[in-house]
């Protein structure tokens, strides 16, 4: 699905309870803020073996200092990775960094 199709169809499928922004964010901080401060998940468009697919990020942690921070996300995917779904969400080894080009789409309910 394209982001526009998701933004259009998710409110219909959830009877108005879930909305997805059709506008991409290309900064990890936006997704970190969405998950960490608002408690809402974020969708990430990524690729594996040349094919595009979606993951949902629902946990975060950051490392680094004030001038340079790295953001890590607890993600779940239905096709090629299931990191953190069956493991402890407190183990930092279950968190992954996102590629610099991955767009984020915010989820609201």
PDB file of N, CA and C in Angstrom:
ATOM      1  N   UNK A   1       0.840  -1.186   0.000  1.00  0.00           N
ATOM      2  CA  UNK A   1       0.000   0.000   0.000  1.00  0.00           C
ATOM      3  C   UNK A   1       0.880   1.242   0.000  1.00  0.00           C
ATOM      4  N   UNK A   2       0.397   2.243  -0.642  1.00  0.00           N
ATOM      5  CA  UNK A   2       1.087   3.521  -0.610  1.00  0.00           C
ATOM      6  C   UNK A   2       0.674   4.268   0.662  1.00  0.00           C
ATOM      7  N   UNK A   3       1.439   5.277   1.075  1.00  0.00           N
ATOM      8  CA  UNK A   3       1.034   6.048   2.258  1.00  0.00           C
ATOM      9  C   UNK A   3      -0.338   6.701   2.118  1.00  0.00           C
ATOM     10  N   UNK A   4      -0.654   7.168   0.937  1.00  0.00           N
ATOM     11  CA  UNK A   4      -1.966   7.776   0.725  1.00  0.00           C
ATOM     12  C   UNK A   4      -3.075   6.755   0.869  1.00  0.00           C
ATOM     13  N   UNK A   5      -2.865   5.554   0.341  1.00  0.00           N
ATOM     14  CA  UNK A   5      -3.866   4.494   0.482  1.00  0.00           C
ATOM     15  C   UNK A   5      -4.049   4.108   1.947  1.00  0.00           C
ATOM     16  N   UNK A   6      -2.950   4.057   2.690  1.00  0.00           N
ATOM     17  CA  UNK A   6      -3.064   3.739   4.119  1.00  0.00           C
ATOM     18  C   UNK A   6      -3.800   4.830   4.877  1.00  0.00           C
ATOM     19  N   UNK A   7      -3.472   6.094   4.566  1.00  0.00           N
ATOM     20  CA  UNK A   7      -4.141   7.212   5.245  1.00  0.00           C
ATOM     21  C   UNK A   7      -5.626   7.243   4.923  1.00  0.00           C
ATOM     22  N   UNK A   8      -5.997   6.809   3.747  1.00  0.00           N
ATOM     23  CA  UNK A   8      -7.397   6.800   3.348  1.00  0.00           C
ATOM     24  C   UNK A   8      -8.138   5.594   3.921  1.00  0.00           C
ATOM     25  N   UNK A   9      -7.509   4.421   3.908  1.00  0.00           N
ATOM     26  CA  UNK A   9      -8.221   3.195   4.271  1.00  0.00           C
ATOM     27  C   UNK A   9      -8.221   2.867   5.770  1.00  0.00           C
ATOM     28  N   UNK A  10      -7.200   3.266   6.508  1.00  0.00           N
ATOM     29  CA  UNK A  10      -7.135   2.898   7.926  1.00  0.00           C
ATOM     30  C   UNK A  10      -8.292   3.475   8.751  1.00  0.00           C
ATOM     31  N   UNK A  11      -8.690   4.729   8.571  1.00  0.00           N
ATOM     32  CA  UNK A  11      -9.861   5.196   9.324  1.00  0.00           C
ATOM     33  C   UNK A  11     -11.133   4.429   8.977  1.00  0.00           C
ATOM     34  N   UNK A  12     -11.260   3.980   7.738  1.00  0.00           N
ATOM     35  CA  UNK A  12     -12.434   3.194   7.341  1.00  0.00           C
ATOM     36  C   UNK A  12     -12.391   1.826   8.010  1.00  0.00           C
ATOM     37  N   UNK A  13     -11.220   1.165   7.955  1.00  0.00           N
ATOM     38  CA  UNK A  13     -11.085  -0.180   8.525  1.00  0.00           C
ATOM     39  C   UNK A  13     -11.226  -0.184  10.044  1.00  0.00           C
ATOM     40  N   UNK A  14     -10.791   0.893  10.698  1.00  0.00           N
ATOM     41  CA  UNK A  14     -10.849   0.943  12.162  1.00  0.00           C
ATOM     42  C   UNK A  14     -12.061   1.701  12.677  1.00  0.00           C
ATOM     43  N   UNK A  15     -12.970   2.054  11.793  1.00  0.00           N
ATOM     44  CA  UNK A  15     -14.177   2.815  12.152  1.00  0.00           C
ATOM     45  C   UNK A  15     -13.827   4.139  12.819  1.00  0.00           C
ATOM     46  N   UNK A  16     -12.809   4.801  12.264  1.00  0.00           N
ATOM     47  CA  UNK A  16     -12.417   6.126  12.734  1.00  0.00           C
ATOM     48  C   UNK A  16     -11.504   6.158  13.936  1.00  0.00           C
ATOM     49  N   UNK A  17     -11.055   5.008  14.422  1.00  0.00           N
ATOM     50  CA  UNK A  17     -10.232   4.977  15.628  1.00  0.00           C
ATOM     51  C   UNK A  17      -8.739   5.188  15.357  1.00  0.00           C
ATOM     52  N   UNK A  18      -8.269   4.841  14.165  1.00  0.00           N
ATOM     53  CA  UNK A  18      -6.846   4.955  13.852  1.00  0.00           C
ATOM     54  C   UNK A  18      -6.677   5.791  12.598  1.00  0.00           C
ATOM     55  N   UNK A  19      -5.771   6.765  12.667  1.00  0.00           N
ATOM     56  CA  UNK A  19      -5.458   7.600  11.518  1.00  0.00           C
ATOM     57  C   UNK A  19      -3.948   7.560  11.280  1.00  0.00           C
ATOM     58  N   UNK A  20      -3.551   7.589  10.014  1.00  0.00           N
ATOM     59  CA  UNK A  20      -2.144   7.584   9.644  1.00  0.00           C
ATOM     60  C   UNK A  20      -1.871   8.817   8.806  1.00  0.00           C
ATOM     61  N   UNK A  21      -0.842   9.539   9.152  1.00  0.00           N
ATOM     62  CA  UNK A  21      -0.466  10.716   8.385  1.00  0.00           C
ATOM     63  C   UNK A  21       0.085  10.298   7.029  1.00  0.00           C
ATOM     64  N   UNK A  22      -0.391  10.898   5.934  1.00  0.00           N
ATOM     65  CA  UNK A  22       0.142  10.551   4.617  1.00  0.00           C
ATOM     66  C   UNK A  22       1.445  11.281   4.290  1.00  0.00           C
ATOM     67  N   UNK A  23       1.894  12.145   5.175  1.00  0.00           N
ATOM     68  CA  UNK A  23       3.088  12.953   4.922  1.00  0.00           C
ATOM     69  C   UNK A  23       4.309  12.318   5.584  1.00  0.00           C
ATOM     70  N   UNK A  24       5.373  12.100   4.839  1.00  0.00           N
ATOM     71  CA  UNK A  24       6.553  11.445   5.401  1.00  0.00           C
ATOM     72  C   UNK A  24       7.420  12.384   6.227  1.00  0.00           C
ATOM     73  N   UNK A  25       8.039  11.814   7.236  1.00  0.00           N
ATOM     74  CA  UNK A  25       9.058  12.485   8.033  1.00  0.00           C
ATOM     75  C   UNK A  25      10.357  11.730   7.795  1.00  0.00           C
ATOM     76  N   UNK A  26      11.420  12.441   7.534  1.00  0.00           N
ATOM     77  CA  UNK A  26      12.695  11.790   7.244  1.00  0.00           C
ATOM     78  C   UNK A  26      13.690  11.937   8.382  1.00  0.00           C
ATOM     79  N   UNK A  27      13.226  12.304   9.556  1.00  0.00           N
ATOM     80  CA  UNK A  27      14.115  12.407  10.715  1.00  0.00           C
ATOM     81  C   UNK A  27      13.715  11.367  11.748  1.00  0.00           C
ATOM     82  N   UNK A  28      14.705  10.695  12.289  1.00  0.00           N
ATOM     83  CA  UNK A  28      14.434   9.713  13.338  1.00  0.00           C
ATOM     84  C   UNK A  28      13.887  10.380  14.592  1.00  0.00           C
ATOM     85  N   UNK A  29      14.252  11.648  14.820  1.00  0.00           N
ATOM     86  CA  UNK A  29      13.758  12.340  16.004  1.00  0.00           C
ATOM     87  C   UNK A  29      12.236  12.442  15.990  1.00  0.00           C
ATOM     88  N   UNK A  30      11.638  12.658  14.817  1.00  0.00           N
ATOM     89  CA  UNK A  30      10.176  12.761  14.728  1.00  0.00           C
ATOM     90  C   UNK A  30       9.520  11.460  15.187  1.00  0.00           C
ATOM     91  N   UNK A  31      10.061  10.327  14.742  1.00  0.00           N
ATOM     92  CA  UNK A  31       9.512   9.035  15.167  1.00  0.00           C
ATOM     93  C   UNK A  31       9.794   8.783  16.645  1.00  0.00           C
ATOM     94  N   UNK A  32      10.981   9.143  17.102  1.00  0.00           N
ATOM     95  CA  UNK A  32      11.328   8.988  18.522  1.00  0.00           C
ATOM     96  C   UNK A  32      10.351   9.787  19.384  1.00  0.00           C
ATOM     97  N   UNK A  33      10.098  11.028  19.009  1.00  0.00           N
ATOM     98  CA  UNK A  33       9.187  11.887  19.752  1.00  0.00           C
ATOM     99  C   UNK A  33       7.774  11.309  19.759  1.00  0.00           C
ATOM    100  N   UNK A  34       7.329  10.817  18.616  1.00  0.00           N
ATOM    101  CA  UNK A  34       5.988  10.222  18.493  1.00  0.00           C
ATOM    102  C   UNK A  34       5.824   9.033  19.442  1.00  0.00           C
ATOM    103  N   UNK A  35       6.820   8.170  19.480  1.00  0.00           N
ATOM    104  CA  UNK A  35       6.727   6.947  20.280  1.00  0.00           C
ATOM    105  C   UNK A  35       7.016   7.222  21.754  1.00  0.00           C
ATOM    106  N   UNK A  36       8.102   7.926  22.029  1.00  0.00           N
ATOM    107  CA  UNK A  36       8.559   8.110  23.407  1.00  0.00           C
ATOM    108  C   UNK A  36       7.665   9.072  24.201  1.00  0.00           C
ATOM    109  N   UNK A  37       7.310  10.203  23.607  1.00  0.00           N
ATOM    110  CA  UNK A  37       6.569  11.220  24.345  1.00  0.00           C
ATOM    111  C   UNK A  37       5.057  11.090  24.231  1.00  0.00           C
ATOM    112  N   UNK A  38       4.552  10.635  23.071  1.00  0.00           N
ATOM    113  CA  UNK A  38       3.110  10.537  22.882  1.00  0.00           C
ATOM    114  C   UNK A  38       2.570   9.125  23.067  1.00  0.00           C
ATOM    115  N   UNK A  39       3.459   8.125  23.090  1.00  0.00           N
ATOM    116  CA  UNK A  39       3.021   6.748  23.271  1.00  0.00           C
ATOM    117  C   UNK A  39       2.287   6.172  22.073  1.00  0.00           C
ATOM    118  N   UNK A  40       2.518   6.734  20.905  1.00  0.00           N
ATOM    119  CA  UNK A  40       1.869   6.277  19.675  1.00  0.00           C
ATOM    120  C   UNK A  40       2.905   5.600  18.782  1.00  0.00           C
ATOM    121  N   UNK A  41       2.533   4.583  18.029  1.00  0.00           N
ATOM    122  CA  UNK A  41       3.503   3.929  17.137  1.00  0.00           C
ATOM    123  C   UNK A  41       3.778   4.771  15.897  1.00  0.00           C
ATOM    124  N   UNK A  42       4.801   4.368  15.181  1.00  0.00           N
ATOM    125  CA  UNK A  42       5.141   4.997  13.903  1.00  0.00           C
ATOM    126  C   UNK A  42       5.418   3.896  12.888  1.00  0.00           C
ATOM    127  N   UNK A  43       5.017   4.123  11.659  1.00  0.00           N
ATOM    128  CA  UNK A  43       5.267   3.171  10.584  1.00  0.00           C
ATOM    129  C   UNK A  43       6.505   3.610   9.815  1.00  0.00           C
ATOM    130  N   UNK A  44       7.298   2.642   9.395  1.00  0.00           N
ATOM    131  CA  UNK A  44       8.523   2.941   8.653  1.00  0.00           C
ATOM    132  C   UNK A  44       8.496   2.174   7.344  1.00  0.00           C
ATOM    133  N   UNK A  45       8.735   2.884   6.268  1.00  0.00           N
ATOM    134  CA  UNK A  45       8.859   2.259   4.957  1.00  0.00           C
ATOM    135  C   UNK A  45      10.325   1.915   4.747  1.00  0.00           C
ATOM    136  N   UNK A  46      10.615   0.636   4.513  1.00  0.00           N
ATOM    137  CA  UNK A  46      12.002   0.198   4.365  1.00  0.00           C
ATOM    138  C   UNK A  46      12.098  -0.830   3.250  1.00  0.00           C
ATOM    139  N   UNK A  47      13.301  -1.324   3.024  1.00  0.00           N
ATOM    140  CA  UNK A  47      13.462  -2.317   1.954  1.00  0.00           C
ATOM    141  C   UNK A  47      14.330  -3.471   2.436  1.00  0.00           C
ATOM    142  N   UNK A  48      14.096  -4.611   1.844  1.00  0.00           N
ATOM    143  CA  UNK A  48      14.886  -5.816   2.097  1.00  0.00           C
ATOM    144  C   UNK A  48      14.966  -6.563   0.786  1.00  0.00           C
ATOM    145  N   UNK A  49      16.157  -6.813   0.321  1.00  0.00           N
ATOM    146  CA  UNK A  49      16.382  -7.519  -0.948  1.00  0.00           C
ATOM    147  C   UNK A  49      15.705  -6.813  -2.120  1.00  0.00           C
ATOM    148  N   UNK A  50      15.713  -5.497  -2.098  1.00  0.00           N
ATOM    149  CA  UNK A  50      15.158  -4.727  -3.205  1.00  0.00           C
ATOM    150  C   UNK A  50      13.653  -4.565  -3.201  1.00  0.00           C
ATOM    151  N   UNK A  51      12.961  -5.042  -2.180  1.00  0.00           N
ATOM    152  CA  UNK A  51      11.509  -4.915  -2.101  1.00  0.00           C
ATOM    153  C   UNK A  51      11.129  -4.011  -0.939  1.00  0.00           C
ATOM    154  N   UNK A  52      10.135  -3.174  -1.152  1.00  0.00           N
ATOM    155  CA  UNK A  52       9.664  -2.275  -0.108  1.00  0.00           C
ATOM    156  C   UNK A  52       8.638  -2.967   0.776  1.00  0.00           C
ATOM    157  N   UNK A  53       8.681  -2.671   2.062  1.00  0.00           N
ATOM    158  CA  UNK A  53       7.676  -3.177   2.991  1.00  0.00           C
ATOM    159  C   UNK A  53       7.634  -2.259   4.210  1.00  0.00           C
ATOM    160  N   UNK A  54       6.680  -2.503   5.097  1.00  0.00           N
ATOM    161  CA  UNK A  54       6.438  -1.661   6.268  1.00  0.00           C
ATOM    162  C   UNK A  54       6.858  -2.377   7.548  1.00  0.00           C
ATOM    163  N   UNK A  55       7.334  -1.608   8.495  1.00  0.00           N
ATOM    164  CA  UNK A  55       7.506  -2.099   9.862  1.00  0.00           C
ATOM    165  C   UNK A  55       6.782  -1.129  10.784  1.00  0.00           C
ATOM    166  N   UNK A  56       6.422  -1.612  11.950  1.00  0.00           N
ATOM    167  CA  UNK A  56       5.826  -0.743  12.960  1.00  0.00           C
ATOM    168  C   UNK A  56       6.809  -0.654  14.119  1.00  0.00           C
ATOM    169  N   UNK A  57       7.109   0.576  14.526  1.00  0.00           N
ATOM    170  CA  UNK A  57       8.006   0.819  15.651  1.00  0.00           C
ATOM    171  C   UNK A  57       7.170   1.245  16.853  1.00  0.00           C
ATOM    172  N   UNK A  58       7.448   0.624  18.005  1.00  0.00           N
ATOM    173  CA  UNK A  58       6.630   0.910  19.181  1.00  0.00           C
ATOM    174  C   UNK A  58       7.450   1.082  20.453  1.00  0.00           C
ATOM    175  N   UNK A  59       8.757   1.060  20.350  1.00  0.00           N
ATOM    176  CA  UNK A  59       9.632   1.293  21.490  1.00  0.00           C
ATOM    177  C   UNK A  59      10.872   2.037  21.035  1.00  0.00           C
ATOM    178  N   UNK A  60      11.465   2.822  21.917  1.00  0.00           N
ATOM    179  CA  UNK A  60      12.636   3.624  21.542  1.00  0.00           C
ATOM    180  C   UNK A  60      13.642   3.709  22.669  1.00  0.00           C
ATOM    181  N   UNK A  61      14.867   3.999  22.292  1.00  0.00           N
ATOM    182  CA  UNK A  61      15.858   4.535  23.221  1.00  0.00           C
ATOM    183  C   UNK A  61      16.866   5.312  22.399  1.00  0.00           C
ATOM    184  N   UNK A  62      17.568   6.217  23.063  1.00  0.00           N
ATOM    185  CA  UNK A  62      18.554   7.036  22.373  1.00  0.00           C
ATOM    186  C   UNK A  62      19.891   6.928  23.085  1.00  0.00           C
ATOM    187  N   UNK A  63      20.952   7.147  22.319  1.00  0.00           N
ATOM    188  CA  UNK A  63      22.294   7.188  22.883  1.00  0.00           C
ATOM    189  C   UNK A  63      23.018   8.372  22.266  1.00  0.00           C
ATOM    190  N   UNK A  64      24.109   8.737  22.860  1.00  0.00           N
ATOM    191  CA  UNK A  64      24.875   9.873  22.358  1.00  0.00           C
ATOM    192  C   UNK A  64      24.762  11.059  23.284  1.00  0.00           C
ATOM    193  N   UNK A  65      25.214  12.195  22.790  1.00  0.00           N
ATOM    194  CA  UNK A  65      25.199  13.409  23.602  1.00  0.00           C
ATOM    195  C   UNK A  65      24.270  14.449  22.979  1.00  0.00           C
ATOM    196  N   UNK A  66      24.363  15.660  23.471  1.00  0.00           N
ATOM    197  CA  UNK A  66      23.476  16.734  23.018  1.00  0.00           C
ATOM    198  C   UNK A  66      23.665  17.052  21.538  1.00  0.00           C
ATOM    199  N   UNK A  67      24.897  16.983  21.058  1.00  0.00           N
ATOM    200  CA  UNK A  67      25.184  17.380  19.684  1.00  0.00           C
ATOM    201  C   UNK A  67      24.986  16.262  18.666  1.00  0.00           C
ATOM    202  N   UNK A  68      25.098  15.015  19.085  1.00  0.00           N
ATOM    203  CA  UNK A  68      24.939  13.900  18.155  1.00  0.00           C
ATOM    204  C   UNK A  68      24.237  12.761  18.875  1.00  0.00           C
ATOM    205  N   UNK A  69      23.040  12.462  18.440  1.00  0.00           N
ATOM    206  CA  UNK A  69      22.265  11.399  19.071  1.00  0.00           C
ATOM    207  C   UNK A  69      21.958  10.309  18.062  1.00  0.00           C
ATOM    208  N   UNK A  70      21.917   9.096  18.556  1.00  0.00           N
ATOM    209  CA  UNK A  70      21.496   7.952  17.759  1.00  0.00           C
ATOM    210  C   UNK A  70      20.178   7.445  18.334  1.00  0.00           C
ATOM    211  N   UNK A  71      19.240   7.162  17.459  1.00  0.00           N
ATOM    212  CA  UNK A  71      17.929   6.696  17.878  1.00  0.00           C
ATOM    213  C   UNK A  71      17.763   5.237  17.458  1.00  0.00           C
ATOM    214  N   UNK A  72      17.269   4.434  18.385  1.00  0.00           N
ATOM    215  CA  UNK A  72      17.054   3.008  18.148  1.00  0.00           C
ATOM    216  C   UNK A  72      15.577   2.698  18.381  1.00  0.00           C
ATOM    217  N   UNK A  73      15.051   1.765  17.588  1.00  0.00           N
ATOM    218  CA  UNK A  73      13.616   1.484  17.623  1.00  0.00           C
ATOM    219  C   UNK A  73      13.352  -0.005  17.771  1.00  0.00           C
ATOM    220  N   UNK A  74      12.384  -0.334  18.617  1.00  0.00           N
ATOM    221  CA  UNK A  74      11.878  -1.695  18.743  1.00  0.00           C
ATOM    222  C   UNK A  74      10.809  -1.837  17.667  1.00  0.00           C
ATOM    223  N   UNK A  75      11.067  -2.712  16.695  1.00  0.00           N
ATOM    224  CA  UNK A  75      10.210  -2.806  15.525  1.00  0.00           C
ATOM    225  C   UNK A  75       9.676  -4.217  15.351  1.00  0.00           C
ATOM    226  N   UNK A  76       8.550  -4.287  14.702  1.00  0.00           N
ATOM    227  CA  UNK A  76       7.987  -5.583  14.353  1.00  0.00           C
ATOM    228  C   UNK A  76       7.567  -5.542  12.893  1.00  0.00           C
ATOM    229  N   UNK A  77       7.825  -6.639  12.219  1.00  0.00           N
ATOM    230  CA  UNK A  77       7.534  -6.756  10.804  1.00  0.00           C
ATOM    231  C   UNK A  77       6.932  -8.133  10.570  1.00  0.00           C
ATOM    232  N   UNK A  78       6.054  -8.235   9.610  1.00  0.00           N
ATOM    233  CA  UNK A  78       5.407  -9.521   9.362  1.00  0.00           C
ATOM    234  C   UNK A  78       6.118 -10.368   8.323  1.00  0.00           C
ATOM    235  N   UNK A  79       7.245  -9.887   7.763  1.00  0.00           N
ATOM    236  CA  UNK A  79       7.859 -10.674   6.697  1.00  0.00           C
ATOM    237  C   UNK A  79       9.278 -11.132   6.994  1.00  0.00           C
ATOM    238  N   UNK A  80      10.211 -10.231   7.287  1.00  0.00           N
ATOM    239  CA  UNK A  80      11.599 -10.674   7.365  1.00  0.00           C
ATOM    240  C   UNK A  80      12.252 -10.507   8.720  1.00  0.00           C
ATOM    241  N   UNK A  81      11.682  -9.765   9.603  1.00  0.00           N
ATOM    242  CA  UNK A  81      12.262  -9.664  10.944  1.00  0.00           C
ATOM    243  C   UNK A  81      11.156  -9.517  11.970  1.00  0.00           C
ATOM    244  N   UNK A  82      11.392 -10.037  13.113  1.00  0.00           N
ATOM    245  CA  UNK A  82      10.424  -9.980  14.193  1.00  0.00           C
ATOM    246  C   UNK A  82      11.161  -9.634  15.478  1.00  0.00           C
ATOM    247  N   UNK A  83      12.124  -8.745  15.368  1.00  0.00           N
ATOM    248  CA  UNK A  83      12.968  -8.420  16.501  1.00  0.00           C
ATOM    249  C   UNK A  83      12.170  -7.784  17.620  1.00  0.00           C
ATOM    250  N   UNK A  84      12.311  -8.324  18.793  1.00  0.00           N
ATOM    251  CA  UNK A  84      11.681  -7.752  19.960  1.00  0.00           C
ATOM    252  C   UNK A  84      10.284  -8.273  20.242  1.00  0.00           C
ATOM    253  N   UNK A  85       9.641  -8.900  19.286  1.00  0.00           N
ATOM    254  CA  UNK A  85       8.268  -9.363  19.509  1.00  0.00           C
ATOM    255  C   UNK A  85       8.225 -10.477  20.539  1.00  0.00           C
ATOM    256  N   UNK A  86       9.194 -11.387  20.502  1.00  0.00           N
ATOM    257  CA  UNK A  86       9.199 -12.490  21.451  1.00  0.00           C
ATOM    258  C   UNK A  86      10.292 -12.329  22.497  1.00  0.00           C
ATOM    259  N   UNK A  87      11.005 -11.221  22.447  1.00  0.00           N
ATOM    260  CA  UNK A  87      12.095 -10.970  23.384  1.00  0.00           C
ATOM    261  C   UNK A  87      11.731  -9.826  24.314  1.00  0.00           C
ATOM    262  N   UNK A  88      12.569  -9.619  25.288  1.00  0.00           N
ATOM    263  CA  UNK A  88      12.334  -8.573  26.267  1.00  0.00           C
ATOM    264  C   UNK A  88      12.476  -7.189  25.638  1.00  0.00           C
ATOM    265  N   UNK A  89      11.495  -6.307  25.811  1.00  0.00           N
ATOM    266  CA  UNK A  89      11.631  -4.955  25.265  1.00  0.00           C
ATOM    267  C   UNK A  89      12.653  -4.110  26.019  1.00  0.00           C
ATOM    268  N   UNK A  90      13.160  -4.610  27.135  1.00  0.00           N
ATOM    269  CA  UNK A  90      14.175  -3.858  27.864  1.00  0.00           C
ATOM    270  C   UNK A  90      15.587  -4.180  27.400  1.00  0.00           C
ATOM    271  N   UNK A  91      15.768  -5.236  26.622  1.00  0.00           N
ATOM    272  CA  UNK A  91      17.098  -5.598  26.115  1.00  0.00           C
ATOM    273  C   UNK A  91      17.436  -4.722  24.914  1.00  0.00           C
ATOM    274  N   UNK A  92      18.496  -3.954  25.012  1.00  0.00           N
ATOM    275  CA  UNK A  92      18.861  -3.021  23.947  1.00  0.00           C
ATOM    276  C   UNK A  92      19.277  -3.729  22.663  1.00  0.00           C
ATOM    277  N   UNK A  93      19.612  -5.006  22.735  1.00  0.00           N
ATOM    278  CA  UNK A  93      19.991  -5.746  21.528  1.00  0.00           C
ATOM    279  C   UNK A  93      18.795  -5.979  20.602  1.00  0.00           C
ATOM    280  N   UNK A  94      17.581  -5.778  21.086  1.00  0.00           N
ATOM    281  CA  UNK A  94      16.383  -5.948  20.264  1.00  0.00           C
ATOM    282  C   UNK A  94      16.018  -4.689  19.480  1.00  0.00           C
ATOM    283  N   UNK A  95      16.742  -3.604  19.704  1.00  0.00           N
ATOM    284  CA  UNK A  95      16.442  -2.334  19.051  1.00  0.00           C
ATOM    285  C   UNK A  95      17.367  -2.147  17.853  1.00  0.00           C
ATOM    286  N   UNK A  96      16.822  -1.561  16.785  1.00  0.00           N
ATOM    287  CA  UNK A  96      17.574  -1.336  15.556  1.00  0.00           C
ATOM    288  C   UNK A  96      17.571   0.137  15.186  1.00  0.00           C
ATOM    289  N   UNK A  97      18.631   0.575  14.510  1.00  0.00           N
ATOM    290  CA  UNK A  97      18.654   1.914  13.940  1.00  0.00           C
ATOM    291  C   UNK A  97      17.988   1.873  12.580  1.00  0.00           C
ATOM    292  N   UNK A  98      17.376   2.970  12.204  1.00  0.00           N
ATOM    293  CA  UNK A  98      16.745   3.081  10.883  1.00  0.00           C
ATOM    294  C   UNK A  98      17.762   3.638   9.896  1.00  0.00           C
ATOM    295  N   UNK A  99      17.620   3.249   8.645  1.00  0.00           N
ATOM    296  CA  UNK A  99      18.463   3.825   7.602  1.00  0.00           C
ATOM    297  C   UNK A  99      18.110   5.296   7.433  1.00  0.00           C
ATOM    298  N   UNK A 100      19.052   6.072   6.959  1.00  0.00           N
ATOM    299  CA  UNK A 100      18.862   7.523   6.855  1.00  0.00           C
ATOM    300  C   UNK A 100      17.741   7.902   5.879  1.00  0.00           C
ATOM    301  N   UNK A 101      17.476   7.082   4.900  1.00  0.00           N
ATOM    302  CA  UNK A 101      16.487   7.440   3.878  1.00  0.00           C
ATOM    303  C   UNK A 101      15.078   6.958   4.201  1.00  0.00           C
ATOM    304  N   UNK A 102      14.896   6.194   5.259  1.00  0.00           N
ATOM    305  CA  UNK A 102      13.581   5.615   5.566  1.00  0.00           C
ATOM    306  C   UNK A 102      12.588   6.687   5.996  1.00  0.00           C
ATOM    307  N   UNK A 103      11.480   6.812   5.288  1.00  0.00           N
ATOM    308  CA  UNK A 103      10.460   7.763   5.732  1.00  0.00           C
ATOM    309  C   UNK A 103       9.606   7.161   6.852  1.00  0.00           C
ATOM    310  N   UNK A 104       9.209   8.001   7.785  1.00  0.00           N
ATOM    311  CA  UNK A 104       8.342   7.624   8.897  1.00  0.00           C
ATOM    312  C   UNK A 104       6.958   8.203   8.661  1.00  0.00           C
ATOM    313  N   UNK A 105       5.930   7.459   9.055  1.00  0.00           N
ATOM    314  CA  UNK A 105       4.552   7.922   8.967  1.00  0.00           C
ATOM    315  C   UNK A 105       3.929   7.738  10.351  1.00  0.00           C
ATOM    316  N   UNK A 106       3.384   8.819  10.887  1.00  0.00           N
ATOM    317  CA  UNK A 106       2.877   8.820  12.247  1.00  0.00           C
ATOM    318  C   UNK A 106       1.465   8.233  12.324  1.00  0.00           C
ATOM    319  N   UNK A 107       1.211   7.505  13.399  1.00  0.00           N
ATOM    320  CA  UNK A 107      -0.084   6.852  13.636  1.00  0.00           C
ATOM    321  C   UNK A 107      -0.754   7.554  14.813  1.00  0.00           C
ATOM    322  N   UNK A 108      -2.016   7.883  14.647  1.00  0.00           N
ATOM    323  CA  UNK A 108      -2.806   8.537  15.709  1.00  0.00           C
ATOM    324  C   UNK A 108      -4.094   7.771  15.938  1.00  0.00           C
ATOM    325  N   UNK A 109      -4.479   7.668  17.186  1.00  0.00           N
ATOM    326  CA  UNK A 109      -5.772   7.052  17.507  1.00  0.00           C
ATOM    327  C   UNK A 109      -6.560   7.911  18.453  1.00  0.00           C
TER     328      UNK A 109
END
